[in-house]
Amino acid sequence: MREIQDYSIPVHRSLLANDMLLGIGTNAAIILLVVTVLAVNMIGLWFLLVSVGIYFVLRILCKEDPYLLEITLNNLLEQDVYYG
């Protein structure tokens, strides 16, 4: 039987890229959207300017490392010590 050693298949770039919503991670985009909607209802429309600023900062951070916000959110939600 003959073995195939140099067999390769082209993989499209879209299959390797992680899912980004509006250029930032999906969880971060959803959290930003929910906080923006709640703050606009409670505080006022000027909070839209604040959320647009936060969005651009998050997008700049995610351009270098797309997993940065996902890892940060996971670390913030974990406990430091788990008692048994």
N, C-alpha and C. Protein backbone atom coordinates (compact mmCIF):
# COMPACT_ATOMS: atom_id res chain seq x y z
N MET A 1 0.84 -1.17 0.00
CA MET A 1 0.00 0.00 0.00
C MET A 1 0.89 1.25 0.00
N ARG A 2 0.48 2.24 -0.69
CA ARG A 2 1.27 3.46 -0.85
C ARG A 2 0.78 4.54 0.12
N GLU A 3 1.69 5.18 0.81
CA GLU A 3 1.32 6.24 1.75
C GLU A 3 1.47 7.60 1.09
N ILE A 4 0.57 8.49 1.45
CA ILE A 4 0.64 9.86 0.95
C ILE A 4 1.21 10.71 2.08
N GLN A 5 2.37 11.27 1.87
CA GLN A 5 3.01 12.02 2.94
C GLN A 5 2.89 13.53 2.78
N ASP A 6 2.92 14.00 1.58
CA ASP A 6 2.84 15.45 1.35
C ASP A 6 1.46 15.87 0.87
N TYR A 7 0.47 15.38 1.54
CA TYR A 7 -0.90 15.69 1.16
C TYR A 7 -1.36 16.93 1.92
N SER A 8 -1.84 17.91 1.22
CA SER A 8 -2.35 19.12 1.88
C SER A 8 -3.60 19.59 1.16
N ILE A 9 -4.40 20.29 1.91
CA ILE A 9 -5.66 20.82 1.40
C ILE A 9 -5.66 22.31 1.68
N PRO A 10 -6.09 23.13 0.76
CA PRO A 10 -6.15 24.56 1.06
C PRO A 10 -7.28 24.86 2.05
N VAL A 11 -6.97 25.66 3.04
CA VAL A 11 -7.95 26.04 4.06
C VAL A 11 -8.21 27.53 3.90
N HIS A 12 -9.47 27.88 3.80
CA HIS A 12 -9.84 29.28 3.62
C HIS A 12 -9.58 30.07 4.90
N ARG A 13 -9.19 31.30 4.76
CA ARG A 13 -8.86 32.15 5.89
C ARG A 13 -10.06 32.37 6.80
N SER A 14 -11.25 32.38 6.25
CA SER A 14 -12.44 32.63 7.06
C SER A 14 -12.70 31.48 8.04
N LEU A 15 -12.20 30.30 7.75
CA LEU A 15 -12.37 29.18 8.68
C LEU A 15 -11.40 29.27 9.86
N LEU A 16 -10.30 29.97 9.68
CA LEU A 16 -9.30 30.08 10.73
C LEU A 16 -9.50 31.31 11.61
N ALA A 17 -10.18 32.32 11.10
CA ALA A 17 -10.38 33.56 11.87
C ALA A 17 -11.49 33.36 12.90
N ASN A 18 -11.32 33.95 14.07
CA ASN A 18 -12.37 33.84 15.09
C ASN A 18 -13.51 34.81 14.78
N ASP A 19 -14.65 34.53 15.35
CA ASP A 19 -15.84 35.35 15.09
C ASP A 19 -15.73 36.68 15.83
N MET A 20 -15.84 37.76 15.08
CA MET A 20 -15.78 39.09 15.66
C MET A 20 -17.07 39.82 15.29
N LEU A 21 -17.65 40.46 16.26
CA LEU A 21 -18.85 41.25 16.03
C LEU A 21 -18.47 42.72 16.12
N LEU A 22 -18.59 43.44 15.02
CA LEU A 22 -18.23 44.86 14.93
C LEU A 22 -16.75 45.11 15.21
N GLY A 23 -15.90 44.13 14.93
CA GLY A 23 -14.48 44.31 15.11
C GLY A 23 -13.96 44.00 16.50
N ILE A 24 -14.86 43.69 17.44
CA ILE A 24 -14.44 43.28 18.79
C ILE A 24 -15.07 41.91 19.04
N GLY A 25 -14.70 41.29 20.14
CA GLY A 25 -15.24 39.97 20.46
C GLY A 25 -16.75 40.01 20.64
N THR A 26 -17.38 38.87 20.42
CA THR A 26 -18.84 38.79 20.48
C THR A 26 -19.35 39.11 21.88
N ASN A 27 -18.72 38.53 22.91
CA ASN A 27 -19.17 38.78 24.29
C ASN A 27 -19.01 40.25 24.66
N ALA A 28 -17.88 40.83 24.29
CA ALA A 28 -17.64 42.24 24.62
C ALA A 28 -18.62 43.15 23.89
N ALA A 29 -18.95 42.82 22.64
CA ALA A 29 -19.90 43.63 21.89
C ALA A 29 -21.29 43.56 22.49
N ILE A 30 -21.69 42.38 22.91
CA ILE A 30 -23.02 42.22 23.52
C ILE A 30 -23.08 42.95 24.86
N ILE A 31 -22.03 42.83 25.67
CA ILE A 31 -21.99 43.53 26.96
C ILE A 31 -22.03 45.04 26.75
N LEU A 32 -21.25 45.54 25.79
CA LEU A 32 -21.24 46.98 25.49
C LEU A 32 -22.61 47.45 25.01
N LEU A 33 -23.26 46.66 24.19
CA LEU A 33 -24.59 47.02 23.69
C LEU A 33 -25.62 47.07 24.81
N VAL A 34 -25.61 46.09 25.69
CA VAL A 34 -26.58 46.04 26.80
C VAL A 34 -26.34 47.20 27.77
N VAL A 35 -25.06 47.45 28.10
CA VAL A 35 -24.75 48.55 29.02
C VAL A 35 -25.13 49.88 28.39
N THR A 36 -24.91 50.03 27.09
CA THR A 36 -25.27 51.28 26.40
C THR A 36 -26.77 51.51 26.42
N VAL A 37 -27.54 50.48 26.13
CA VAL A 37 -29.00 50.62 26.12
C VAL A 37 -29.52 50.96 27.51
N LEU A 38 -29.01 50.27 28.53
CA LEU A 38 -29.46 50.56 29.89
C LEU A 38 -29.05 51.96 30.34
N ALA A 39 -27.83 52.36 30.03
CA ALA A 39 -27.35 53.68 30.45
C ALA A 39 -28.07 54.80 29.71
N VAL A 40 -28.38 54.59 28.44
CA VAL A 40 -29.13 55.62 27.70
C VAL A 40 -30.52 55.78 28.30
N ASN A 41 -31.14 54.68 28.71
CA ASN A 41 -32.47 54.77 29.33
C ASN A 41 -32.40 55.43 30.71
N MET A 42 -31.34 55.17 31.47
CA MET A 42 -31.26 55.72 32.82
C MET A 42 -30.62 57.10 32.86
N ILE A 43 -29.56 57.32 32.09
CA ILE A 43 -28.79 58.56 32.19
C ILE A 43 -29.20 59.56 31.12
N GLY A 44 -29.16 59.15 29.86
CA GLY A 44 -29.51 60.06 28.78
C GLY A 44 -28.76 59.73 27.50
N LEU A 45 -29.06 60.48 26.48
CA LEU A 45 -28.47 60.21 25.16
C LEU A 45 -26.99 60.54 25.08
N TRP A 46 -26.47 61.36 25.97
CA TRP A 46 -25.06 61.71 25.91
C TRP A 46 -24.18 60.50 26.16
N PHE A 47 -24.72 59.44 26.76
CA PHE A 47 -23.93 58.24 27.02
C PHE A 47 -23.57 57.52 25.72
N LEU A 48 -24.29 57.81 24.64
CA LEU A 48 -23.93 57.23 23.34
C LEU A 48 -22.53 57.66 22.93
N LEU A 49 -22.17 58.90 23.21
CA LEU A 49 -20.82 59.37 22.89
C LEU A 49 -19.77 58.62 23.70
N VAL A 50 -20.08 58.35 24.95
CA VAL A 50 -19.16 57.60 25.80
C VAL A 50 -19.00 56.17 25.28
N SER A 51 -20.10 55.55 24.90
CA SER A 51 -20.03 54.16 24.42
C SER A 51 -19.33 54.07 23.07
N VAL A 52 -19.46 55.08 22.22
CA VAL A 52 -18.72 55.08 20.96
C VAL A 52 -17.22 55.19 21.23
N GLY A 53 -16.84 56.01 22.20
CA GLY A 53 -15.43 56.10 22.59
C GLY A 53 -14.90 54.79 23.14
N ILE A 54 -15.69 54.14 23.98
CA ILE A 54 -15.30 52.83 24.53
C ILE A 54 -15.17 51.81 23.42
N TYR A 55 -16.09 51.86 22.45
CA TYR A 55 -16.03 50.93 21.32
C TYR A 55 -14.74 51.08 20.53
N PHE A 56 -14.32 52.31 20.25
CA PHE A 56 -13.10 52.52 19.48
C PHE A 56 -11.86 52.07 20.26
N VAL A 57 -11.87 52.26 21.57
CA VAL A 57 -10.75 51.77 22.40
C VAL A 57 -10.70 50.25 22.36
N LEU A 58 -11.86 49.60 22.48
CA LEU A 58 -11.90 48.13 22.42
C LEU A 58 -11.47 47.61 21.06
N ARG A 59 -11.84 48.32 20.01
CA ARG A 59 -11.46 47.88 18.66
C ARG A 59 -9.96 48.00 18.45
N ILE A 60 -9.35 49.06 18.98
CA ILE A 60 -7.89 49.20 18.87
C ILE A 60 -7.20 48.08 19.65
N LEU A 61 -7.73 47.75 20.83
CA LEU A 61 -7.14 46.66 21.62
C LEU A 61 -7.28 45.31 20.93
N CYS A 62 -8.39 45.08 20.26
CA CYS A 62 -8.63 43.79 19.62
C CYS A 62 -7.93 43.66 18.26
N LYS A 63 -7.45 44.74 17.71
CA LYS A 63 -6.77 44.66 16.42
C LYS A 63 -5.46 43.88 16.56
N GLU A 64 -4.73 44.08 17.65
CA GLU A 64 -3.48 43.37 17.88
C GLU A 64 -3.73 41.92 18.28
N ASP A 65 -4.61 41.71 19.23
CA ASP A 65 -4.89 40.37 19.75
C ASP A 65 -6.40 40.18 19.87
N PRO A 66 -7.02 39.41 18.96
CA PRO A 66 -8.47 39.26 18.98
C PRO A 66 -9.02 38.56 20.22
N TYR A 67 -8.17 37.81 20.93
CA TYR A 67 -8.63 37.07 22.10
C TYR A 67 -8.44 37.84 23.41
N LEU A 68 -7.94 39.06 23.34
CA LEU A 68 -7.63 39.83 24.55
C LEU A 68 -8.85 40.04 25.44
N LEU A 69 -9.94 40.50 24.87
CA LEU A 69 -11.14 40.78 25.68
C LEU A 69 -11.78 39.50 26.19
N GLU A 70 -11.74 38.44 25.41
CA GLU A 70 -12.31 37.17 25.85
C GLU A 70 -11.54 36.61 27.05
N ILE A 71 -10.22 36.67 26.99
CA ILE A 71 -9.39 36.19 28.09
C ILE A 71 -9.57 37.08 29.32
N THR A 72 -9.64 38.39 29.11
CA THR A 72 -9.83 39.32 30.23
C THR A 72 -11.17 39.08 30.92
N LEU A 73 -12.23 38.91 30.15
CA LEU A 73 -13.54 38.65 30.75
C LEU A 73 -13.56 37.32 31.50
N ASN A 74 -12.90 36.29 30.97
CA ASN A 74 -12.83 35.01 31.67
C ASN A 74 -12.06 35.14 32.98
N ASN A 75 -10.97 35.89 32.98
CA ASN A 75 -10.18 36.06 34.22
C ASN A 75 -10.93 36.89 35.25
N LEU A 76 -11.70 37.87 34.83
CA LEU A 76 -12.46 38.68 35.79
C LEU A 76 -13.58 37.88 36.44
N LEU A 77 -14.15 36.92 35.72
CA LEU A 77 -15.27 36.15 36.25
C LEU A 77 -14.84 34.96 37.09
N GLU A 78 -13.56 34.60 37.05
CA GLU A 78 -13.08 33.48 37.85
C GLU A 78 -12.73 33.94 39.26
N GLN A 79 -12.90 33.04 40.21
CA GLN A 79 -12.52 33.34 41.59
C GLN A 79 -11.02 33.15 41.75
N ASP A 80 -10.43 33.85 42.71
CA ASP A 80 -9.01 33.68 42.99
C ASP A 80 -8.74 32.39 43.74
N VAL A 81 -9.63 32.06 44.69
CA VAL A 81 -9.45 30.88 45.51
C VAL A 81 -10.76 30.10 45.49
N TYR A 82 -10.66 28.80 45.26
CA TYR A 82 -11.82 27.92 45.33
C TYR A 82 -11.69 27.07 46.58
N TYR A 83 -12.67 27.15 47.46
CA TYR A 83 -12.64 26.39 48.70
C TYR A 83 -13.35 25.06 48.49
N GLY A 84 -12.75 23.99 49.00
CA GLY A 84 -13.29 22.65 48.79
C GLY A 84 -14.10 22.14 49.91
